[in-house]
Amino acid sequence: METADFLELLDGEGQLPAGADAVVPTCPEWRVRDQVGHTGTVRRWAAAFVADAHTAHRPLGDPPEPADAELTPPAFWPRRQAHETTVHRYDAETAHGGTPSPIAPDLAVDGLDELLRGFHARSRSRLRSAEPHVLRVHAVGAGAGADAVWTVRLTAEPPVTVRGEEGPAEAELPGPADQLYLALRNRTAVPRVTGDPPLAAL
């Protein structure tokens, strides 16, 4: 996906269907106003760097590092915010009731990649194991009918994830890209698990 695609998605995903007092079932401690405050805080934090010419670290935590060394910050931020807004749009729609709008397969695949090769590649990742293990995430029919696969190697250090099927895996999470996208962000249940259930739960 290109930066322009993320910006277009960001605009569409930012439309909230529920009232400010609606409870967000996927984040039970929040109402929609809390969710809007959260995303607004992140956006204000980013905008302040440009508008106020900040050159030093600011509170609110560090943004995740891009997984791809060639990814430039102007491309990184629309991507990050497209996914942040998509997830919280889903939350808001669950607060409104009914069936949430679908998540495009290409966006879901990109979000899985960002999560597995971006967020969990960082030193802050808590996805670790005292014993080495291999987990596979397999998005079926992901964009243009093709599958997308990631091999995640777990150790006591941050996981190392590569795109593709590399060697045997002890557990696999197969399913439609949009379902995996939401499940790995703790919004829905994992559609299916094969192999070692405790490893998949980790």
N, C-alpha and C. Protein backbone atom coordinates (compact mmCIF):
# COMPACT_ATOMS: atom_id res chain seq x y z
N MET A 1 0.84 -1.18 0.00
CA MET A 1 0.00 0.00 0.00
C MET A 1 0.88 1.24 0.00
N GLU A 2 0.40 2.30 -0.61
CA GLU A 2 1.14 3.54 -0.70
C GLU A 2 0.64 4.54 0.34
N THR A 3 1.43 5.59 0.60
CA THR A 3 1.06 6.61 1.58
C THR A 3 -0.31 7.20 1.28
N ALA A 4 -0.61 7.46 0.01
CA ALA A 4 -1.90 8.03 -0.36
C ALA A 4 -3.04 7.09 0.02
N ASP A 5 -2.82 5.78 -0.07
CA ASP A 5 -3.85 4.81 0.32
C ASP A 5 -4.14 4.91 1.81
N PHE A 6 -3.07 5.03 2.61
CA PHE A 6 -3.27 5.14 4.06
C PHE A 6 -4.01 6.42 4.41
N LEU A 7 -3.67 7.52 3.74
CA LEU A 7 -4.36 8.79 4.03
C LEU A 7 -5.84 8.71 3.68
N GLU A 8 -6.16 8.06 2.57
CA GLU A 8 -7.56 7.90 2.19
C GLU A 8 -8.31 7.04 3.20
N LEU A 9 -7.67 5.94 3.62
CA LEU A 9 -8.28 5.08 4.62
C LEU A 9 -8.43 5.79 5.95
N LEU A 10 -7.43 6.57 6.32
CA LEU A 10 -7.48 7.32 7.58
C LEU A 10 -8.69 8.24 7.61
N ASP A 11 -8.95 8.90 6.49
CA ASP A 11 -10.10 9.80 6.41
C ASP A 11 -11.41 9.02 6.58
N GLY A 12 -11.53 7.90 5.90
CA GLY A 12 -12.76 7.12 5.98
C GLY A 12 -12.94 6.44 7.32
N GLU A 13 -11.86 5.90 7.89
CA GLU A 13 -11.95 5.17 9.15
C GLU A 13 -12.23 6.09 10.33
N GLY A 14 -11.99 7.38 10.17
CA GLY A 14 -12.15 8.31 11.27
C GLY A 14 -13.59 8.73 11.53
N GLN A 15 -14.54 8.25 10.74
CA GLN A 15 -15.94 8.63 10.93
C GLN A 15 -16.53 7.77 12.05
N LEU A 16 -16.92 8.40 13.17
CA LEU A 16 -17.46 7.66 14.31
C LEU A 16 -18.97 7.56 14.23
N PRO A 17 -19.52 6.34 14.33
CA PRO A 17 -20.96 6.18 14.20
C PRO A 17 -21.72 6.29 15.51
N ALA A 18 -21.04 6.18 16.65
CA ALA A 18 -21.73 6.10 17.93
C ALA A 18 -21.60 7.41 18.70
N GLY A 19 -22.52 7.61 19.64
CA GLY A 19 -22.47 8.79 20.49
C GLY A 19 -21.32 8.72 21.47
N ALA A 20 -20.96 9.85 22.04
CA ALA A 20 -19.79 9.94 22.92
C ALA A 20 -19.92 9.09 24.17
N ASP A 21 -21.14 8.82 24.62
CA ASP A 21 -21.33 8.06 25.86
C ASP A 21 -21.46 6.56 25.63
N ALA A 22 -21.44 6.13 24.39
CA ALA A 22 -21.61 4.70 24.12
C ALA A 22 -20.43 3.92 24.68
N VAL A 23 -20.74 2.78 25.30
CA VAL A 23 -19.70 1.90 25.84
C VAL A 23 -19.04 1.18 24.68
N VAL A 24 -17.71 1.01 24.75
CA VAL A 24 -16.94 0.33 23.71
C VAL A 24 -16.73 -1.12 24.15
N PRO A 25 -17.48 -2.09 23.63
CA PRO A 25 -17.38 -3.46 24.12
C PRO A 25 -15.99 -4.07 24.03
N THR A 26 -15.23 -3.67 23.01
CA THR A 26 -13.89 -4.25 22.84
C THR A 26 -12.87 -3.63 23.80
N CYS A 27 -13.19 -2.50 24.40
CA CYS A 27 -12.37 -1.86 25.43
C CYS A 27 -13.33 -1.46 26.56
N PRO A 28 -13.77 -2.42 27.40
CA PRO A 28 -14.89 -2.19 28.31
C PRO A 28 -14.72 -1.02 29.28
N GLU A 29 -13.48 -0.64 29.55
CA GLU A 29 -13.28 0.48 30.48
C GLU A 29 -13.45 1.83 29.78
N TRP A 30 -13.67 1.83 28.48
CA TRP A 30 -13.79 3.07 27.72
C TRP A 30 -15.21 3.30 27.23
N ARG A 31 -15.52 4.60 27.08
CA ARG A 31 -16.66 5.04 26.29
C ARG A 31 -16.07 5.67 25.03
N VAL A 32 -16.90 5.97 24.04
CA VAL A 32 -16.39 6.51 22.78
C VAL A 32 -15.59 7.79 23.03
N ARG A 33 -16.01 8.63 23.97
CA ARG A 33 -15.28 9.87 24.23
C ARG A 33 -13.84 9.58 24.69
N ASP A 34 -13.64 8.48 25.46
CA ASP A 34 -12.29 8.11 25.88
C ASP A 34 -11.44 7.71 24.69
N GLN A 35 -12.08 7.00 23.78
CA GLN A 35 -11.38 6.56 22.57
C GLN A 35 -10.98 7.73 21.70
N VAL A 36 -11.90 8.68 21.54
CA VAL A 36 -11.60 9.87 20.75
C VAL A 36 -10.47 10.66 21.42
N GLY A 37 -10.51 10.75 22.75
CA GLY A 37 -9.43 11.43 23.46
C GLY A 37 -8.09 10.77 23.25
N HIS A 38 -8.09 9.44 23.24
CA HIS A 38 -6.85 8.69 23.03
C HIS A 38 -6.26 8.99 21.65
N THR A 39 -7.09 8.84 20.61
CA THR A 39 -6.55 9.08 19.27
C THR A 39 -6.20 10.55 19.07
N GLY A 40 -6.99 11.45 19.67
CA GLY A 40 -6.68 12.87 19.57
C GLY A 40 -5.37 13.23 20.24
N THR A 41 -5.10 12.60 21.39
CA THR A 41 -3.84 12.85 22.09
C THR A 41 -2.65 12.45 21.24
N VAL A 42 -2.77 11.29 20.60
CA VAL A 42 -1.68 10.82 19.74
C VAL A 42 -1.46 11.79 18.59
N ARG A 43 -2.55 12.26 17.99
CA ARG A 43 -2.42 13.18 16.86
C ARG A 43 -1.85 14.52 17.29
N ARG A 44 -2.29 15.02 18.43
CA ARG A 44 -1.75 16.30 18.93
C ARG A 44 -0.26 16.16 19.25
N TRP A 45 0.11 15.03 19.82
CA TRP A 45 1.51 14.78 20.15
C TRP A 45 2.36 14.85 18.88
N ALA A 46 1.88 14.21 17.81
CA ALA A 46 2.64 14.21 16.55
C ALA A 46 2.66 15.59 15.92
N ALA A 47 1.51 16.25 15.93
CA ALA A 47 1.43 17.58 15.31
C ALA A 47 2.32 18.59 16.01
N ALA A 48 2.51 18.44 17.33
CA ALA A 48 3.33 19.39 18.08
C ALA A 48 4.78 19.38 17.62
N PHE A 49 5.26 18.24 17.18
CA PHE A 49 6.64 18.19 16.70
C PHE A 49 6.84 19.11 15.50
N VAL A 50 5.82 19.16 14.64
CA VAL A 50 5.91 20.00 13.45
C VAL A 50 5.55 21.45 13.78
N ALA A 51 4.39 21.64 14.41
CA ALA A 51 3.89 23.00 14.65
C ALA A 51 4.75 23.79 15.62
N ASP A 52 5.25 23.12 16.66
CA ASP A 52 6.03 23.81 17.69
C ASP A 52 7.53 23.57 17.56
N ALA A 53 7.93 22.89 16.50
CA ALA A 53 9.35 22.63 16.21
C ALA A 53 10.07 21.98 17.39
N HIS A 54 9.42 21.01 18.03
CA HIS A 54 10.08 20.29 19.12
C HIS A 54 11.25 19.49 18.56
N THR A 55 12.33 19.49 19.29
CA THR A 55 13.50 18.72 18.86
C THR A 55 13.90 17.69 19.90
N ALA A 56 13.23 17.68 21.06
CA ALA A 56 13.56 16.74 22.12
C ALA A 56 12.39 15.79 22.34
N HIS A 57 12.68 14.75 23.09
CA HIS A 57 11.65 13.76 23.41
C HIS A 57 10.47 14.41 24.12
N ARG A 58 9.28 13.96 23.78
CA ARG A 58 8.05 14.44 24.41
C ARG A 58 7.38 13.26 25.12
N PRO A 59 6.57 13.51 26.15
CA PRO A 59 5.85 12.40 26.80
C PRO A 59 4.92 11.69 25.82
N LEU A 60 4.26 10.66 26.25
CA LEU A 60 3.29 9.84 25.53
C LEU A 60 3.94 8.60 24.93
N GLY A 61 5.21 8.42 25.12
CA GLY A 61 5.85 7.21 24.61
C GLY A 61 6.38 7.38 23.21
N ASP A 62 7.25 6.47 22.86
CA ASP A 62 7.87 6.53 21.53
C ASP A 62 7.00 5.83 20.51
N PRO A 63 6.89 6.38 19.30
CA PRO A 63 6.18 5.64 18.26
C PRO A 63 6.99 4.40 17.88
N PRO A 64 6.32 3.34 17.38
CA PRO A 64 7.05 2.13 16.98
C PRO A 64 7.99 2.42 15.82
N GLU A 65 9.10 1.73 15.81
CA GLU A 65 10.06 1.89 14.72
C GLU A 65 9.56 1.14 13.49
N PRO A 66 9.72 1.70 12.29
CA PRO A 66 9.31 0.96 11.10
C PRO A 66 10.10 -0.33 10.97
N ALA A 67 9.44 -1.37 10.48
CA ALA A 67 10.12 -2.66 10.31
C ALA A 67 11.11 -2.60 9.15
N ASP A 68 10.79 -1.83 8.14
CA ASP A 68 11.61 -1.76 6.94
C ASP A 68 12.54 -0.55 7.04
N ALA A 69 13.85 -0.79 6.98
CA ALA A 69 14.82 0.30 7.14
C ALA A 69 14.66 1.37 6.08
N GLU A 70 14.04 1.02 4.95
CA GLU A 70 13.86 2.00 3.89
C GLU A 70 12.59 2.84 4.07
N LEU A 71 11.78 2.49 5.06
CA LEU A 71 10.53 3.22 5.27
C LEU A 71 10.83 4.57 5.87
N THR A 72 10.38 5.63 5.23
CA THR A 72 10.67 6.98 5.71
C THR A 72 9.59 7.44 6.68
N PRO A 73 9.92 8.35 7.63
CA PRO A 73 8.89 8.82 8.58
C PRO A 73 7.64 9.38 7.93
N PRO A 74 7.70 10.14 6.81
CA PRO A 74 6.45 10.61 6.22
C PRO A 74 5.54 9.48 5.77
N ALA A 75 6.11 8.34 5.38
CA ALA A 75 5.30 7.19 5.00
C ALA A 75 4.86 6.41 6.24
N PHE A 76 5.69 6.40 7.26
CA PHE A 76 5.39 5.65 8.48
C PHE A 76 4.17 6.19 9.21
N TRP A 77 4.09 7.51 9.37
CA TRP A 77 3.02 8.07 10.21
C TRP A 77 1.62 7.85 9.62
N PRO A 78 1.38 8.10 8.32
CA PRO A 78 0.04 7.79 7.78
C PRO A 78 -0.30 6.31 7.94
N ARG A 79 0.69 5.45 7.76
CA ARG A 79 0.44 4.01 7.94
C ARG A 79 0.02 3.73 9.38
N ARG A 80 0.77 4.24 10.33
CA ARG A 80 0.47 3.99 11.75
C ARG A 80 -0.92 4.50 12.11
N GLN A 81 -1.24 5.70 11.65
CA GLN A 81 -2.52 6.30 12.00
C GLN A 81 -3.68 5.64 11.26
N ALA A 82 -3.44 5.13 10.06
CA ALA A 82 -4.50 4.39 9.35
C ALA A 82 -4.91 3.17 10.17
N HIS A 83 -3.93 2.46 10.72
CA HIS A 83 -4.25 1.27 11.52
C HIS A 83 -4.83 1.65 12.88
N GLU A 84 -4.27 2.65 13.51
CA GLU A 84 -4.80 3.10 14.80
C GLU A 84 -6.27 3.50 14.66
N THR A 85 -6.59 4.24 13.61
CA THR A 85 -7.95 4.71 13.42
C THR A 85 -8.88 3.57 13.02
N THR A 86 -8.39 2.64 12.21
CA THR A 86 -9.22 1.50 11.81
C THR A 86 -9.65 0.68 13.02
N VAL A 87 -8.70 0.38 13.90
CA VAL A 87 -9.01 -0.41 15.09
C VAL A 87 -10.02 0.33 15.97
N HIS A 88 -9.82 1.62 16.16
CA HIS A 88 -10.74 2.36 17.03
C HIS A 88 -12.08 2.65 16.33
N ARG A 89 -12.10 2.69 15.01
CA ARG A 89 -13.37 2.75 14.29
C ARG A 89 -14.16 1.48 14.56
N TYR A 90 -13.48 0.35 14.53
CA TYR A 90 -14.13 -0.92 14.84
C TYR A 90 -14.69 -0.88 16.26
N ASP A 91 -13.89 -0.39 17.20
CA ASP A 91 -14.36 -0.27 18.59
C ASP A 91 -15.62 0.58 18.66
N ALA A 92 -15.61 1.72 17.99
CA ALA A 92 -16.75 2.63 18.04
C ALA A 92 -17.99 2.00 17.42
N GLU A 93 -17.79 1.25 16.35
CA GLU A 93 -18.94 0.59 15.72
C GLU A 93 -19.52 -0.49 16.62
N THR A 94 -18.68 -1.17 17.41
CA THR A 94 -19.22 -2.16 18.34
C THR A 94 -20.01 -1.46 19.44
N ALA A 95 -19.61 -0.24 19.78
CA ALA A 95 -20.37 0.53 20.78
C ALA A 95 -21.73 0.94 20.22
N HIS A 96 -21.80 1.16 18.92
CA HIS A 96 -23.03 1.57 18.25
C HIS A 96 -24.00 0.40 18.11
N GLY A 97 -23.46 -0.80 18.10
CA GLY A 97 -24.28 -1.99 17.90
C GLY A 97 -24.30 -2.39 16.45
N GLY A 98 -24.76 -3.58 16.19
CA GLY A 98 -24.81 -4.06 14.82
C GLY A 98 -23.48 -4.66 14.39
N THR A 99 -23.36 -4.87 13.10
CA THR A 99 -22.15 -5.48 12.53
C THR A 99 -21.18 -4.40 12.09
N PRO A 100 -19.95 -4.41 12.62
CA PRO A 100 -18.97 -3.41 12.20
C PRO A 100 -18.66 -3.52 10.71
N SER A 101 -18.26 -2.41 10.12
CA SER A 101 -17.88 -2.38 8.71
C SER A 101 -16.67 -3.29 8.48
N PRO A 102 -16.57 -3.87 7.29
CA PRO A 102 -15.44 -4.76 7.01
C PRO A 102 -14.12 -4.00 6.93
N ILE A 103 -13.06 -4.74 7.13
CA ILE A 103 -11.71 -4.20 6.99
C ILE A 103 -11.14 -4.79 5.70
N ALA A 104 -10.66 -3.92 4.83
CA ALA A 104 -10.15 -4.36 3.53
C ALA A 104 -9.00 -5.35 3.73
N PRO A 105 -8.97 -6.44 2.94
CA PRO A 105 -7.91 -7.43 3.10
C PRO A 105 -6.50 -6.86 2.99
N ASP A 106 -6.27 -5.94 2.04
CA ASP A 106 -4.93 -5.37 1.89
C ASP A 106 -4.51 -4.59 3.13
N LEU A 107 -5.45 -3.85 3.70
CA LEU A 107 -5.16 -3.09 4.91
C LEU A 107 -4.90 -4.05 6.07
N ALA A 108 -5.70 -5.12 6.17
CA ALA A 108 -5.50 -6.09 7.24
C ALA A 108 -4.13 -6.76 7.15
N VAL A 109 -3.73 -7.13 5.94
CA VAL A 109 -2.41 -7.75 5.76
C VAL A 109 -1.31 -6.78 6.17
N ASP A 110 -1.43 -5.53 5.76
CA ASP A 110 -0.42 -4.54 6.13
C ASP A 110 -0.39 -4.36 7.65
N GLY A 111 -1.56 -4.36 8.29
CA GLY A 111 -1.62 -4.21 9.74
C GLY A 111 -1.00 -5.39 10.46
N LEU A 112 -1.19 -6.60 9.94
CA LEU A 112 -0.53 -7.76 10.53
C LEU A 112 0.98 -7.63 10.40
N ASP A 113 1.43 -7.17 9.24
CA ASP A 113 2.86 -6.99 9.03
C ASP A 113 3.42 -5.93 9.98
N GLU A 114 2.70 -4.82 10.14
CA GLU A 114 3.15 -3.77 11.05
C GLU A 114 3.27 -4.31 12.47
N LEU A 115 2.27 -5.08 12.89
CA LEU A 115 2.27 -5.62 14.25
C LEU A 115 3.40 -6.63 14.46
N LEU A 116 3.53 -7.58 13.54
CA LEU A 116 4.49 -8.67 13.72
C LEU A 116 5.93 -8.26 13.44
N ARG A 117 6.15 -7.48 12.39
CA ARG A 117 7.53 -7.11 12.04
C ARG A 117 7.93 -5.73 12.52
N GLY A 118 6.95 -4.94 13.00
CA GLY A 118 7.23 -3.61 13.50
C GLY A 118 7.18 -3.56 15.01
N PHE A 119 5.97 -3.63 15.57
CA PHE A 119 5.81 -3.51 17.01
C PHE A 119 6.59 -4.59 17.77
N HIS A 120 6.43 -5.85 17.35
CA HIS A 120 7.07 -6.92 18.11
C HIS A 120 8.55 -7.09 17.81
N ALA A 121 9.07 -6.32 16.89
CA ALA A 121 10.52 -6.32 16.66
C ALA A 121 11.23 -5.40 17.65
N ARG A 122 10.46 -4.57 18.35
CA ARG A 122 11.04 -3.57 19.26
C ARG A 122 11.42 -4.21 20.59
N SER A 123 12.32 -3.54 21.29
CA SER A 123 12.78 -4.05 22.59
C SER A 123 11.66 -4.09 23.62
N ARG A 124 10.60 -3.30 23.44
CA ARG A 124 9.48 -3.28 24.38
C ARG A 124 8.55 -4.48 24.25
N SER A 125 8.68 -5.25 23.19
CA SER A 125 7.77 -6.37 22.99
C SER A 125 7.85 -7.34 24.17
N ARG A 126 6.68 -7.73 24.66
CA ARG A 126 6.63 -8.71 25.75
C ARG A 126 6.37 -10.11 25.20
N LEU A 127 6.34 -10.24 23.89
CA LEU A 127 6.13 -11.55 23.27
C LEU A 127 7.47 -12.30 23.27
N ARG A 128 7.71 -13.01 24.37
CA ARG A 128 8.99 -13.71 24.56
C ARG A 128 8.74 -15.08 25.16
N SER A 129 9.73 -15.92 25.04
CA SER A 129 9.62 -17.27 25.59
C SER A 129 11.00 -17.71 26.09
N ALA A 130 11.02 -18.31 27.28
CA ALA A 130 12.29 -18.81 27.81
C ALA A 130 12.88 -19.88 26.90
N GLU A 131 12.01 -20.69 26.31
CA GLU A 131 12.44 -21.72 25.36
C GLU A 131 12.12 -21.25 23.94
N PRO A 132 12.99 -21.54 22.96
CA PRO A 132 12.70 -21.13 21.59
C PRO A 132 11.49 -21.86 21.00
N HIS A 133 10.67 -21.11 20.28
CA HIS A 133 9.50 -21.67 19.61
C HIS A 133 9.31 -20.96 18.28
N VAL A 134 8.56 -21.64 17.40
CA VAL A 134 8.24 -21.04 16.10
C VAL A 134 6.73 -21.06 15.93
N LEU A 135 6.20 -19.89 15.61
CA LEU A 135 4.76 -19.69 15.40
C LEU A 135 4.55 -19.19 13.98
N ARG A 136 3.44 -19.61 13.37
CA ARG A 136 3.14 -19.13 12.03
C ARG A 136 1.78 -18.42 12.04
N VAL A 137 1.71 -17.29 11.35
CA VAL A 137 0.46 -16.58 11.14
C VAL A 137 0.17 -16.66 9.64
N HIS A 138 -1.02 -17.15 9.31
CA HIS A 138 -1.34 -17.43 7.90
C HIS A 138 -2.68 -16.78 7.56
N ALA A 139 -2.61 -15.65 6.86
CA ALA A 139 -3.81 -14.94 6.42
C ALA A 139 -4.26 -15.53 5.10
N VAL A 140 -5.40 -16.17 5.12
CA VAL A 140 -5.92 -16.89 3.94
C VAL A 140 -6.70 -15.93 3.06
N GLY A 141 -6.47 -16.01 1.75
CA GLY A 141 -7.21 -15.17 0.81
C GLY A 141 -7.02 -13.70 1.08
N ALA A 142 -5.78 -13.32 1.32
CA ALA A 142 -5.46 -11.96 1.73
C ALA A 142 -5.16 -11.08 0.53
N GLY A 143 -6.12 -10.31 0.09
CA GLY A 143 -5.87 -9.37 -0.99
C GLY A 143 -5.58 -10.06 -2.31
N ALA A 144 -6.38 -9.83 -3.30
CA ALA A 144 -6.24 -10.41 -4.64
C ALA A 144 -6.24 -11.94 -4.58
N GLY A 145 -6.82 -12.49 -3.52
CA GLY A 145 -6.94 -13.95 -3.43
C GLY A 145 -5.69 -14.68 -2.99
N ALA A 146 -4.58 -13.97 -2.80
CA ALA A 146 -3.33 -14.62 -2.40
C ALA A 146 -3.29 -14.75 -0.88
N ASP A 147 -2.47 -15.66 -0.39
CA ASP A 147 -2.27 -15.81 1.04
C ASP A 147 -1.06 -15.00 1.48
N ALA A 148 -1.07 -14.60 2.75
CA ALA A 148 0.09 -13.91 3.34
C ALA A 148 0.49 -14.71 4.58
N VAL A 149 1.79 -14.96 4.70
CA VAL A 149 2.29 -15.82 5.77
C VAL A 149 3.46 -15.15 6.46
N TRP A 150 3.52 -15.28 7.79
CA TRP A 150 4.63 -14.80 8.59
C TRP A 150 5.13 -15.93 9.48
N THR A 151 6.43 -16.05 9.62
CA THR A 151 7.04 -17.00 10.54
C THR A 151 7.66 -16.21 11.68
N VAL A 152 7.21 -16.50 12.90
CA VAL A 152 7.61 -15.76 14.09
C VAL A 152 8.48 -16.67 14.96
N ARG A 153 9.72 -16.26 15.18
CA ARG A 153 10.64 -17.04 16.02
C ARG A 153 10.72 -16.39 17.39
N LEU A 154 10.28 -17.15 18.40
CA LEU A 154 10.23 -16.65 19.76
C LEU A 154 11.41 -17.15 20.57
N THR A 155 12.02 -16.23 21.31
CA THR A 155 13.10 -16.56 22.25
C THR A 155 12.94 -15.63 23.45
N ALA A 156 13.96 -15.57 24.30
CA ALA A 156 13.94 -14.64 25.43
C ALA A 156 14.14 -13.20 24.98
N GLU A 157 14.50 -13.00 23.73
CA GLU A 157 14.67 -11.67 23.14
C GLU A 157 13.42 -11.31 22.34
N PRO A 158 13.33 -10.08 21.84
CA PRO A 158 12.18 -9.75 20.99
C PRO A 158 12.07 -10.72 19.82
N PRO A 159 10.86 -11.05 19.39
CA PRO A 159 10.69 -12.00 18.30
C PRO A 159 11.32 -11.52 17.00
N VAL A 160 11.72 -12.47 16.21
CA VAL A 160 12.21 -12.19 14.86
C VAL A 160 11.18 -12.78 13.90
N THR A 161 10.58 -11.92 13.08
CA THR A 161 9.52 -12.35 12.17
C THR A 161 9.92 -12.07 10.74
N VAL A 162 9.68 -13.05 9.89
CA VAL A 162 9.94 -12.88 8.46
C VAL A 162 8.65 -13.17 7.69
N ARG A 163 8.51 -12.51 6.54
CA ARG A 163 7.38 -12.83 5.67
C ARG A 163 7.70 -14.14 4.97
N GLY A 164 6.75 -15.04 4.98
CA GLY A 164 6.92 -16.31 4.29
C GLY A 164 6.95 -17.47 5.27
N GLU A 165 6.93 -18.65 4.70
CA GLU A 165 6.92 -19.88 5.47
C GLU A 165 8.33 -20.43 5.52
N GLU A 166 8.97 -20.31 6.67
CA GLU A 166 10.35 -20.76 6.83
C GLU A 166 10.42 -21.87 7.87
N GLY A 167 10.58 -23.09 7.40
CA GLY A 167 10.73 -24.22 8.28
C GLY A 167 9.43 -24.59 9.00
N PRO A 168 9.50 -25.64 9.84
CA PRO A 168 8.31 -26.09 10.55
C PRO A 168 7.93 -25.12 11.67
N ALA A 169 6.64 -25.09 11.99
CA ALA A 169 6.13 -24.26 13.08
C ALA A 169 5.39 -25.16 14.07
N GLU A 170 5.48 -24.83 15.34
CA GLU A 170 4.82 -25.63 16.37
C GLU A 170 3.34 -25.26 16.51
N ALA A 171 2.99 -24.07 16.10
CA ALA A 171 1.60 -23.64 16.14
C ALA A 171 1.35 -22.71 14.96
N GLU A 172 0.12 -22.73 14.46
CA GLU A 172 -0.24 -21.84 13.35
C GLU A 172 -1.59 -21.20 13.63
N LEU A 173 -1.68 -19.92 13.29
CA LEU A 173 -2.93 -19.18 13.38
C LEU A 173 -3.39 -18.90 11.96
N PRO A 174 -4.24 -19.75 11.40
CA PRO A 174 -4.75 -19.49 10.06
C PRO A 174 -6.11 -18.81 10.13
N GLY A 175 -6.41 -18.01 9.13
CA GLY A 175 -7.73 -17.38 9.08
C GLY A 175 -7.75 -16.22 8.12
N PRO A 176 -8.93 -15.67 7.87
CA PRO A 176 -9.04 -14.49 7.01
C PRO A 176 -8.26 -13.32 7.61
N ALA A 177 -7.66 -12.52 6.75
CA ALA A 177 -6.78 -11.43 7.20
C ALA A 177 -7.48 -10.49 8.16
N ASP A 178 -8.74 -10.12 7.86
CA ASP A 178 -9.42 -9.16 8.71
C ASP A 178 -9.69 -9.71 10.10
N GLN A 179 -9.97 -11.02 10.19
CA GLN A 179 -10.21 -11.64 11.50
C GLN A 179 -8.92 -11.72 12.31
N LEU A 180 -7.82 -12.07 11.65
CA LEU A 180 -6.53 -12.12 12.35
C LEU A 180 -6.11 -10.72 12.78
N TYR A 181 -6.36 -9.73 11.94
CA TYR A 181 -6.03 -8.33 12.24
C TYR A 181 -6.68 -7.92 13.56
N LEU A 182 -7.96 -8.24 13.72
CA LEU A 182 -8.67 -7.87 14.94
C LEU A 182 -8.27 -8.77 16.12
N ALA A 183 -8.08 -10.06 15.85
CA ALA A 183 -7.75 -10.99 16.93
C ALA A 183 -6.39 -10.67 17.56
N LEU A 184 -5.41 -10.35 16.72
CA LEU A 184 -4.07 -10.09 17.26
C LEU A 184 -3.98 -8.71 17.91
N ARG A 185 -5.04 -7.93 17.81
CA ARG A 185 -5.15 -6.67 18.55
C ARG A 185 -6.16 -6.81 19.69
N ASN A 186 -6.45 -8.05 20.06
CA ASN A 186 -7.31 -8.36 21.21
C ASN A 186 -8.73 -7.82 21.07
N ARG A 187 -9.24 -7.77 19.85
CA ARG A 187 -10.62 -7.32 19.63
C ARG A 187 -11.57 -8.49 19.46
N THR A 188 -11.13 -9.57 18.89
CA THR A 188 -11.96 -10.75 18.67
C THR A 188 -11.12 -11.99 18.98
N ALA A 189 -11.77 -13.14 18.95
CA ALA A 189 -11.05 -14.40 19.18
C ALA A 189 -10.26 -14.78 17.93
N VAL A 190 -9.18 -15.50 18.13
CA VAL A 190 -8.41 -16.04 17.00
C VAL A 190 -9.31 -17.03 16.28
N PRO A 191 -9.44 -16.92 14.95
CA PRO A 191 -10.40 -17.78 14.24
C PRO A 191 -10.13 -19.27 14.38
N ARG A 192 -8.84 -19.65 14.36
CA ARG A 192 -8.51 -21.09 14.41
C ARG A 192 -7.07 -21.24 14.84
N VAL A 193 -6.77 -22.35 15.51
CA VAL A 193 -5.41 -22.65 15.93
C VAL A 193 -5.11 -24.08 15.54
N THR A 194 -3.94 -24.31 14.96
CA THR A 194 -3.46 -25.68 14.75
C THR A 194 -2.14 -25.81 15.48
N GLY A 195 -1.88 -27.02 15.96
CA GLY A 195 -0.62 -27.24 16.67
C GLY A 195 -0.77 -27.00 18.16
N ASP A 196 0.20 -26.32 18.73
CA ASP A 196 0.33 -26.14 20.19
C ASP A 196 -0.55 -25.00 20.69
N PRO A 197 -1.69 -25.28 21.36
CA PRO A 197 -2.57 -24.18 21.82
C PRO A 197 -1.91 -23.22 22.81
N PRO A 198 -1.12 -23.68 23.81
CA PRO A 198 -0.49 -22.72 24.71
C PRO A 198 0.45 -21.74 24.00
N LEU A 199 1.16 -22.24 22.99
CA LEU A 199 2.03 -21.33 22.22
C LEU A 199 1.19 -20.32 21.46
N ALA A 200 0.09 -20.75 20.87
CA ALA A 200 -0.79 -19.83 20.16
C ALA A 200 -1.37 -18.81 21.12
N ALA A 201 -1.72 -19.25 22.34
CA ALA A 201 -2.26 -18.32 23.33
C ALA A 201 -1.23 -17.27 23.73
N LEU A 202 0.03 -17.69 23.83
CA LEU A 202 1.11 -16.74 24.15
C LEU A 202 1.19 -15.68 23.07
